[in-house]
Amino acid sequence: FSGTSYNETIWNFFGPPFMAARQALLLGA
């Protein structure tokens, strides 16, 4: 983790915007 961009790149997959999108689809259904 030291000196890498792991936190930024993992956020692109598991971060709140994608978490919210997954939830919105299920709640809409």
PDB file of all heavy atoms in Angstrom:
ATOM      1  N   PHE A   1       0.786  -1.228   0.000  1.00  0.00           N
ATOM      2  CA  PHE A   1       0.000   0.000   0.000  1.00  0.00           C
ATOM      3  C   PHE A   1       0.822   1.284   0.000  1.00  0.00           C
ATOM      4  O   PHE A   1       0.307   2.330  -0.370  1.00  0.00           O
ATOM      5  CB  PHE A   1      -0.976   0.021   1.180  1.00  0.00           C
ATOM      6  CG  PHE A   1      -2.036  -1.035   1.084  1.00  0.00           C
ATOM      7  CD1 PHE A   1      -2.069  -2.087   1.977  1.00  0.00           C
ATOM      8  CD2 PHE A   1      -2.997  -0.994   0.090  1.00  0.00           C
ATOM      9  CE1 PHE A   1      -3.048  -3.070   1.885  1.00  0.00           C
ATOM     10  CE2 PHE A   1      -3.969  -1.967  -0.015  1.00  0.00           C
ATOM     11  CZ  PHE A   1      -4.005  -3.011   0.887  1.00  0.00           C
ATOM     12  N   SER A   2       2.065   1.234   0.426  1.00  0.00           N
ATOM     13  CA  SER A   2       2.869   2.455   0.480  1.00  0.00           C
ATOM     14  C   SER A   2       3.215   2.934  -0.915  1.00  0.00           C
ATOM     15  O   SER A   2       3.789   2.209  -1.721  1.00  0.00           O
ATOM     16  CB  SER A   2       4.167   2.212   1.260  1.00  0.00           C
ATOM     17  OG  SER A   2       3.881   2.020   2.618  1.00  0.00           O
ATOM     18  N   GLY A   3       2.835   4.155  -1.194  1.00  0.00           N
ATOM     19  CA  GLY A   3       3.225   4.786  -2.442  1.00  0.00           C
ATOM     20  C   GLY A   3       2.569   4.249  -3.696  1.00  0.00           C
ATOM     21  O   GLY A   3       3.061   4.486  -4.795  1.00  0.00           O
ATOM     22  N   THR A   4       1.462   3.524  -3.559  1.00  0.00           N
ATOM     23  CA  THR A   4       0.767   3.037  -4.753  1.00  0.00           C
ATOM     24  C   THR A   4      -0.571   3.759  -4.885  1.00  0.00           C
ATOM     25  O   THR A   4      -1.027   4.422  -3.962  1.00  0.00           O
ATOM     26  CB  THR A   4       0.500   1.516  -4.684  1.00  0.00           C
ATOM     27  OG1 THR A   4      -0.474   1.262  -3.660  1.00  0.00           O
ATOM     28  CG2 THR A   4       1.773   0.740  -4.396  1.00  0.00           C
ATOM     29  N   SER A   5      -1.209   3.590  -6.014  1.00  0.00           N
ATOM     30  CA  SER A   5      -2.520   4.199  -6.234  1.00  0.00           C
ATOM     31  C   SER A   5      -3.643   3.178  -6.025  1.00  0.00           C
ATOM     32  O   SER A   5      -4.745   3.353  -6.542  1.00  0.00           O
ATOM     33  CB  SER A   5      -2.589   4.782  -7.641  1.00  0.00           C
ATOM     34  OG  SER A   5      -2.402   3.750  -8.586  1.00  0.00           O
ATOM     35  N   TYR A   6      -3.379   2.137  -5.261  1.00  0.00           N
ATOM     36  CA  TYR A   6      -4.368   1.088  -5.033  1.00  0.00           C
ATOM     37  C   TYR A   6      -5.697   1.663  -4.536  1.00  0.00           C
ATOM     38  O   TYR A   6      -6.760   1.291  -5.025  1.00  0.00           O
ATOM     39  CB  TYR A   6      -3.843   0.049  -4.039  1.00  0.00           C
ATOM     40  CG  TYR A   6      -4.847  -1.036  -3.732  1.00  0.00           C
ATOM     41  CD1 TYR A   6      -5.036  -2.089  -4.608  1.00  0.00           C
ATOM     42  CD2 TYR A   6      -5.636  -0.987  -2.588  1.00  0.00           C
ATOM     43  CE1 TYR A   6      -5.962  -3.083  -4.348  1.00  0.00           C
ATOM     44  CE2 TYR A   6      -6.571  -1.964  -2.314  1.00  0.00           C
ATOM     45  CZ  TYR A   6      -6.724  -3.008  -3.202  1.00  0.00           C
ATOM     46  OH  TYR A   6      -7.661  -3.980  -2.941  1.00  0.00           O
ATOM     47  N   ASN A   7      -5.634   2.566  -3.558  1.00  0.00           N
ATOM     48  CA  ASN A   7      -6.875   3.110  -2.996  1.00  0.00           C
ATOM     49  C   ASN A   7      -7.715   3.828  -4.038  1.00  0.00           C
ATOM     50  O   ASN A   7      -8.943   3.752  -3.998  1.00  0.00           O
ATOM     51  CB  ASN A   7      -6.564   4.067  -1.842  1.00  0.00           C
ATOM     52  CG  ASN A   7      -6.213   3.307  -0.596  1.00  0.00           C
ATOM     53  OD1 ASN A   7      -6.758   2.249  -0.344  1.00  0.00           O
ATOM     54  ND2 ASN A   7      -5.297   3.835   0.170  1.00  0.00           N
ATOM     55  N   GLU A   8      -7.082   4.536  -4.941  1.00  0.00           N
ATOM     56  CA  GLU A   8      -7.840   5.233  -5.972  1.00  0.00           C
ATOM     57  C   GLU A   8      -8.431   4.258  -6.984  1.00  0.00           C
ATOM     58  O   GLU A   8      -9.580   4.383  -7.387  1.00  0.00           O
ATOM     59  CB  GLU A   8      -6.945   6.241  -6.684  1.00  0.00           C
ATOM     60  CG  GLU A   8      -6.525   7.386  -5.776  1.00  0.00           C
ATOM     61  CD  GLU A   8      -5.064   7.756  -5.963  1.00  0.00           C
ATOM     62  OE1 GLU A   8      -4.545   7.558  -7.071  1.00  0.00           O
ATOM     63  OE2 GLU A   8      -4.467   8.229  -4.990  1.00  0.00           O
ATOM     64  N   THR A   9      -7.648   3.267  -7.388  1.00  0.00           N
ATOM     65  CA  THR A   9      -8.151   2.352  -8.408  1.00  0.00           C
ATOM     66  C   THR A   9      -9.189   1.384  -7.854  1.00  0.00           C
ATOM     67  O   THR A   9     -10.167   1.077  -8.544  1.00  0.00           O
ATOM     68  CB  THR A   9      -6.991   1.571  -9.070  1.00  0.00           C
ATOM     69  OG1 THR A   9      -6.252   0.887  -8.067  1.00  0.00           O
ATOM     70  CG2 THR A   9      -6.078   2.513  -9.828  1.00  0.00           C
ATOM     71  N   ILE A  10      -9.032   0.927  -6.625  1.00  0.00           N
ATOM     72  CA  ILE A  10     -10.025   0.014  -6.060  1.00  0.00           C
ATOM     73  C   ILE A  10     -11.341   0.748  -5.813  1.00  0.00           C
ATOM     74  O   ILE A  10     -12.413   0.172  -5.922  1.00  0.00           O
ATOM     75  CB  ILE A  10      -9.493  -0.688  -4.779  1.00  0.00           C
ATOM     76  CG1 ILE A  10     -10.315  -1.935  -4.457  1.00  0.00           C
ATOM     77  CG2 ILE A  10      -9.495   0.241  -3.585  1.00  0.00           C
ATOM     78  CD1 ILE A  10     -10.169  -3.045  -5.451  1.00  0.00           C
ATOM     79  N   TRP A  11     -11.246   2.031  -5.508  1.00  0.00           N
ATOM     80  CA  TRP A  11     -12.430   2.871  -5.298  1.00  0.00           C
ATOM     81  C   TRP A  11     -13.277   2.918  -6.568  1.00  0.00           C
ATOM     82  O   TRP A  11     -14.495   3.007  -6.502  1.00  0.00           O
ATOM     83  CB  TRP A  11     -11.958   4.271  -4.914  1.00  0.00           C
ATOM     84  CG  TRP A  11     -12.974   5.102  -4.216  1.00  0.00           C
ATOM     85  CD1 TRP A  11     -13.685   6.120  -4.774  1.00  0.00           C
ATOM     86  CD2 TRP A  11     -13.399   5.019  -2.858  1.00  0.00           C
ATOM     87  NE1 TRP A  11     -14.516   6.683  -3.839  1.00  0.00           N
ATOM     88  CE2 TRP A  11     -14.362   6.017  -2.651  1.00  0.00           C
ATOM     89  CE3 TRP A  11     -13.061   4.186  -1.802  1.00  0.00           C
ATOM     90  CZ2 TRP A  11     -14.980   6.214  -1.432  1.00  0.00           C
ATOM     91  CZ3 TRP A  11     -13.677   4.380  -0.582  1.00  0.00           C
ATOM     92  CH2 TRP A  11     -14.614   5.374  -0.411  1.00  0.00           C
ATOM     93  N   ASN A  12     -12.617   2.845  -7.731  1.00  0.00           N
ATOM     94  CA  ASN A  12     -13.335   2.867  -9.003  1.00  0.00           C
ATOM     95  C   ASN A  12     -14.215   1.640  -9.201  1.00  0.00           C
ATOM     96  O   ASN A  12     -15.138   1.669 -10.015  1.00  0.00           O
ATOM     97  CB  ASN A  12     -12.357   2.968 -10.177  1.00  0.00           C
ATOM     98  CG  ASN A  12     -11.634   4.289 -10.201  1.00  0.00           C
ATOM     99  OD1 ASN A  12     -12.125   5.291  -9.720  1.00  0.00           O
ATOM    100  ND2 ASN A  12     -10.437   4.284 -10.752  1.00  0.00           N
ATOM    101  N   PHE A  13     -13.934   0.569  -8.484  1.00  0.00           N
ATOM    102  CA  PHE A  13     -14.734  -0.648  -8.625  1.00  0.00           C
ATOM    103  C   PHE A  13     -15.676  -0.853  -7.443  1.00  0.00           C
ATOM    104  O   PHE A  13     -16.850  -1.138  -7.615  1.00  0.00           O
ATOM    105  CB  PHE A  13     -13.823  -1.872  -8.772  1.00  0.00           C
ATOM    106  CG  PHE A  13     -14.589  -3.138  -9.064  1.00  0.00           C
ATOM    107  CD1 PHE A  13     -15.011  -3.423 -10.352  1.00  0.00           C
ATOM    108  CD2 PHE A  13     -14.908  -4.027  -8.050  1.00  0.00           C
ATOM    109  CE1 PHE A  13     -15.731  -4.577 -10.623  1.00  0.00           C
ATOM    110  CE2 PHE A  13     -15.625  -5.173  -8.312  1.00  0.00           C
ATOM    111  CZ  PHE A  13     -16.041  -5.455  -9.599  1.00  0.00           C
ATOM    112  N   PHE A  14     -15.144  -0.710  -6.222  1.00  0.00           N
ATOM    113  CA  PHE A  14     -15.938  -0.993  -5.027  1.00  0.00           C
ATOM    114  C   PHE A  14     -16.455   0.261  -4.334  1.00  0.00           C
ATOM    115  O   PHE A  14     -17.154   0.164  -3.339  1.00  0.00           O
ATOM    116  CB  PHE A  14     -15.099  -1.791  -4.011  1.00  0.00           C
ATOM    117  CG  PHE A  14     -14.834  -3.208  -4.418  1.00  0.00           C
ATOM    118  CD1 PHE A  14     -13.557  -3.606  -4.761  1.00  0.00           C
ATOM    119  CD2 PHE A  14     -15.848  -4.143  -4.451  1.00  0.00           C
ATOM    120  CE1 PHE A  14     -13.302  -4.916  -5.129  1.00  0.00           C
ATOM    121  CE2 PHE A  14     -15.609  -5.453  -4.819  1.00  0.00           C
ATOM    122  CZ  PHE A  14     -14.330  -5.847  -5.158  1.00  0.00           C
ATOM    123  N   GLY A  15     -16.112   1.436  -4.819  1.00  0.00           N
ATOM    124  CA  GLY A  15     -16.451   2.681  -4.137  1.00  0.00           C
ATOM    125  C   GLY A  15     -17.939   2.995  -4.102  1.00  0.00           C
ATOM    126  O   GLY A  15     -18.752   2.366  -4.783  1.00  0.00           O
ATOM    127  N   PRO A  16     -18.297   3.982  -3.298  1.00  0.00           N
ATOM    128  CA  PRO A  16     -19.704   4.352  -3.113  1.00  0.00           C
ATOM    129  C   PRO A  16     -20.496   4.623  -4.391  1.00  0.00           C
ATOM    130  O   PRO A  16     -21.666   4.250  -4.442  1.00  0.00           O
ATOM    131  CB  PRO A  16     -19.618   5.600  -2.220  1.00  0.00           C
ATOM    132  CG  PRO A  16     -18.383   5.370  -1.420  1.00  0.00           C
ATOM    133  CD  PRO A  16     -17.413   4.714  -2.385  1.00  0.00           C
ATOM    134  N   PRO A  17     -19.937   5.247  -5.443  1.00  0.00           N
ATOM    135  CA  PRO A  17     -20.779   5.448  -6.632  1.00  0.00           C
ATOM    136  C   PRO A  17     -21.273   4.126  -7.233  1.00  0.00           C
ATOM    137  O   PRO A  17     -22.437   4.018  -7.632  1.00  0.00           O
ATOM    138  CB  PRO A  17     -19.854   6.178  -7.608  1.00  0.00           C
ATOM    139  CG  PRO A  17     -18.834   6.840  -6.748  1.00  0.00           C
ATOM    140  CD  PRO A  17     -18.638   5.914  -5.588  1.00  0.00           C
ATOM    141  N   PHE A  18     -20.416   3.113  -7.255  1.00  0.00           N
ATOM    142  CA  PHE A  18     -20.825   1.826  -7.818  1.00  0.00           C
ATOM    143  C   PHE A  18     -21.686   1.052  -6.833  1.00  0.00           C
ATOM    144  O   PHE A  18     -22.587   0.315  -7.230  1.00  0.00           O
ATOM    145  CB  PHE A  18     -19.592   1.032  -8.261  1.00  0.00           C
ATOM    146  CG  PHE A  18     -18.869   1.744  -9.366  1.00  0.00           C
ATOM    147  CD1 PHE A  18     -17.753   2.520  -9.097  1.00  0.00           C
ATOM    148  CD2 PHE A  18     -19.345   1.703 -10.661  1.00  0.00           C
ATOM    149  CE1 PHE A  18     -17.113   3.207 -10.106  1.00  0.00           C
ATOM    150  CE2 PHE A  18     -18.712   2.384 -11.684  1.00  0.00           C
ATOM    151  CZ  PHE A  18     -17.590   3.150 -11.397  1.00  0.00           C
ATOM    152  N   MET A  19     -21.411   1.220  -5.547  1.00  0.00           N
ATOM    153  CA  MET A  19     -22.244   0.619  -4.512  1.00  0.00           C
ATOM    154  C   MET A  19     -23.672   1.167  -4.648  1.00  0.00           C
ATOM    155  O   MET A  19     -24.643   0.406  -4.620  1.00  0.00           O
ATOM    156  CB  MET A  19     -21.659   0.968  -3.139  1.00  0.00           C
ATOM    157  CG  MET A  19     -22.228   0.213  -1.986  1.00  0.00           C
ATOM    158  SD  MET A  19     -21.552   0.760  -0.381  1.00  0.00           S
ATOM    159  CE  MET A  19     -19.813   0.438  -0.558  1.00  0.00           C
ATOM    160  N   ALA A  20     -23.796   2.471  -4.826  1.00  0.00           N
ATOM    161  CA  ALA A  20     -25.110   3.108  -4.968  1.00  0.00           C
ATOM    162  C   ALA A  20     -25.816   2.649  -6.242  1.00  0.00           C
ATOM    163  O   ALA A  20     -27.029   2.426  -6.229  1.00  0.00           O
ATOM    164  CB  ALA A  20     -24.949   4.629  -4.961  1.00  0.00           C
ATOM    165  N   ALA A  21     -25.072   2.506  -7.334  1.00  0.00           N
ATOM    166  CA  ALA A  21     -25.687   2.058  -8.587  1.00  0.00           C
ATOM    167  C   ALA A  21     -26.245   0.642  -8.444  1.00  0.00           C
ATOM    168  O   ALA A  21     -27.372   0.364  -8.896  1.00  0.00           O
ATOM    169  CB  ALA A  21     -24.673   2.118  -9.725  1.00  0.00           C
ATOM    170  N   ARG A  22     -25.476  -0.250  -7.814  1.00  0.00           N
ATOM    171  CA  ARG A  22     -25.974  -1.619  -7.599  1.00  0.00           C
ATOM    172  C   ARG A  22     -27.239  -1.608  -6.740  1.00  0.00           C
ATOM    173  O   ARG A  22     -28.190  -2.340  -7.005  1.00  0.00           O
ATOM    174  CB  ARG A  22     -24.897  -2.480  -6.946  1.00  0.00           C
ATOM    175  CG  ARG A  22     -23.800  -2.908  -7.885  1.00  0.00           C
ATOM    176  CD  ARG A  22     -22.878  -3.939  -7.259  1.00  0.00           C
ATOM    177  NE  ARG A  22     -22.213  -3.489  -6.054  1.00  0.00           N
ATOM    178  CZ  ARG A  22     -21.049  -2.828  -6.031  1.00  0.00           C
ATOM    179  NH1 ARG A  22     -20.435  -2.538  -7.147  1.00  0.00           N
ATOM    180  NH2 ARG A  22     -20.517  -2.478  -4.882  1.00  0.00           N
ATOM    181  N   GLN A  23     -27.237  -0.765  -5.724  1.00  0.00           N
ATOM    182  CA  GLN A  23     -28.402  -0.688  -4.841  1.00  0.00           C
ATOM    183  C   GLN A  23     -29.607  -0.114  -5.567  1.00  0.00           C
ATOM    184  O   GLN A  23     -30.722  -0.603  -5.397  1.00  0.00           O
ATOM    185  CB  GLN A  23     -28.071   0.160  -3.618  1.00  0.00           C
ATOM    186  CG  GLN A  23     -27.062  -0.484  -2.724  1.00  0.00           C
ATOM    187  CD  GLN A  23     -26.623   0.433  -1.603  1.00  0.00           C
ATOM    188  OE1 GLN A  23     -26.992   1.599  -1.556  1.00  0.00           O
ATOM    189  NE2 GLN A  23     -25.834  -0.102  -0.702  1.00  0.00           N
ATOM    190  N   ALA A  24     -29.384   0.906  -6.363  1.00  0.00           N
ATOM    191  CA  ALA A  24     -30.495   1.548  -7.074  1.00  0.00           C
ATOM    192  C   ALA A  24     -31.198   0.564  -8.009  1.00  0.00           C
ATOM    193  O   ALA A  24     -32.429   0.560  -8.094  1.00  0.00           O
ATOM    194  CB  ALA A  24     -29.983   2.763  -7.849  1.00  0.00           C
ATOM    195  N   LEU A  25     -30.428  -0.255  -8.696  1.00  0.00           N
ATOM    196  CA  LEU A  25     -31.034  -1.235  -9.604  1.00  0.00           C
ATOM    197  C   LEU A  25     -31.889  -2.241  -8.839  1.00  0.00           C
ATOM    198  O   LEU A  25     -33.019  -2.541  -9.244  1.00  0.00           O
ATOM    199  CB  LEU A  25     -29.949  -1.950 -10.406  1.00  0.00           C
ATOM    200  CG  LEU A  25     -29.210  -1.078 -11.415  1.00  0.00           C
ATOM    201  CD1 LEU A  25     -27.963  -1.789 -11.926  1.00  0.00           C
ATOM    202  CD2 LEU A  25     -30.131  -0.697 -12.555  1.00  0.00           C
ATOM    203  N   LEU A  26     -31.359  -2.754  -7.741  1.00  0.00           N
ATOM    204  CA  LEU A  26     -32.113  -3.725  -6.947  1.00  0.00           C
ATOM    205  C   LEU A  26     -33.353  -3.077  -6.332  1.00  0.00           C
ATOM    206  O   LEU A  26     -34.444  -3.642  -6.388  1.00  0.00           O
ATOM    207  CB  LEU A  26     -31.229  -4.331  -5.854  1.00  0.00           C
ATOM    208  CG  LEU A  26     -31.941  -5.228  -4.840  1.00  0.00           C
ATOM    209  CD1 LEU A  26     -32.710  -6.350  -5.515  1.00  0.00           C
ATOM    210  CD2 LEU A  26     -30.942  -5.785  -3.847  1.00  0.00           C
ATOM    211  N   LEU A  27     -33.193  -1.905  -5.767  1.00  0.00           N
ATOM    212  CA  LEU A  27     -34.350  -1.239  -5.159  1.00  0.00           C
ATOM    213  C   LEU A  27     -35.391  -0.867  -6.207  1.00  0.00           C
ATOM    214  O   LEU A  27     -36.601  -0.973  -5.953  1.00  0.00           O
ATOM    215  CB  LEU A  27     -33.894  -0.019  -4.366  1.00  0.00           C
ATOM    216  CG  LEU A  27     -33.032  -0.343  -3.140  1.00  0.00           C
ATOM    217  CD1 LEU A  27     -32.577   0.940  -2.456  1.00  0.00           C
ATOM    218  CD2 LEU A  27     -33.756  -1.254  -2.171  1.00  0.00           C
ATOM    219  N   GLY A  28     -34.940  -0.482  -7.398  1.00  0.00           N
ATOM    220  CA  GLY A  28     -35.878  -0.205  -8.484  1.00  0.00           C
ATOM    221  C   GLY A  28     -36.649  -1.452  -8.881  1.00  0.00           C
ATOM    222  O   GLY A  28     -37.871  -1.401  -9.092  1.00  0.00           O
ATOM    223  N   ALA A  29     -35.953  -2.577  -8.980  1.00  0.00           N
ATOM    224  CA  ALA A  29     -36.629  -3.840  -9.308  1.00  0.00           C
ATOM    225  C   ALA A  29     -37.628  -4.214  -8.218  1.00  0.00           C
ATOM    226  O   ALA A  29     -38.741  -4.667  -8.511  1.00  0.00           O
ATOM    227  CB  ALA A  29     -35.597  -4.952  -9.497  1.00  0.00           C
TER     228      ALA A  29
END
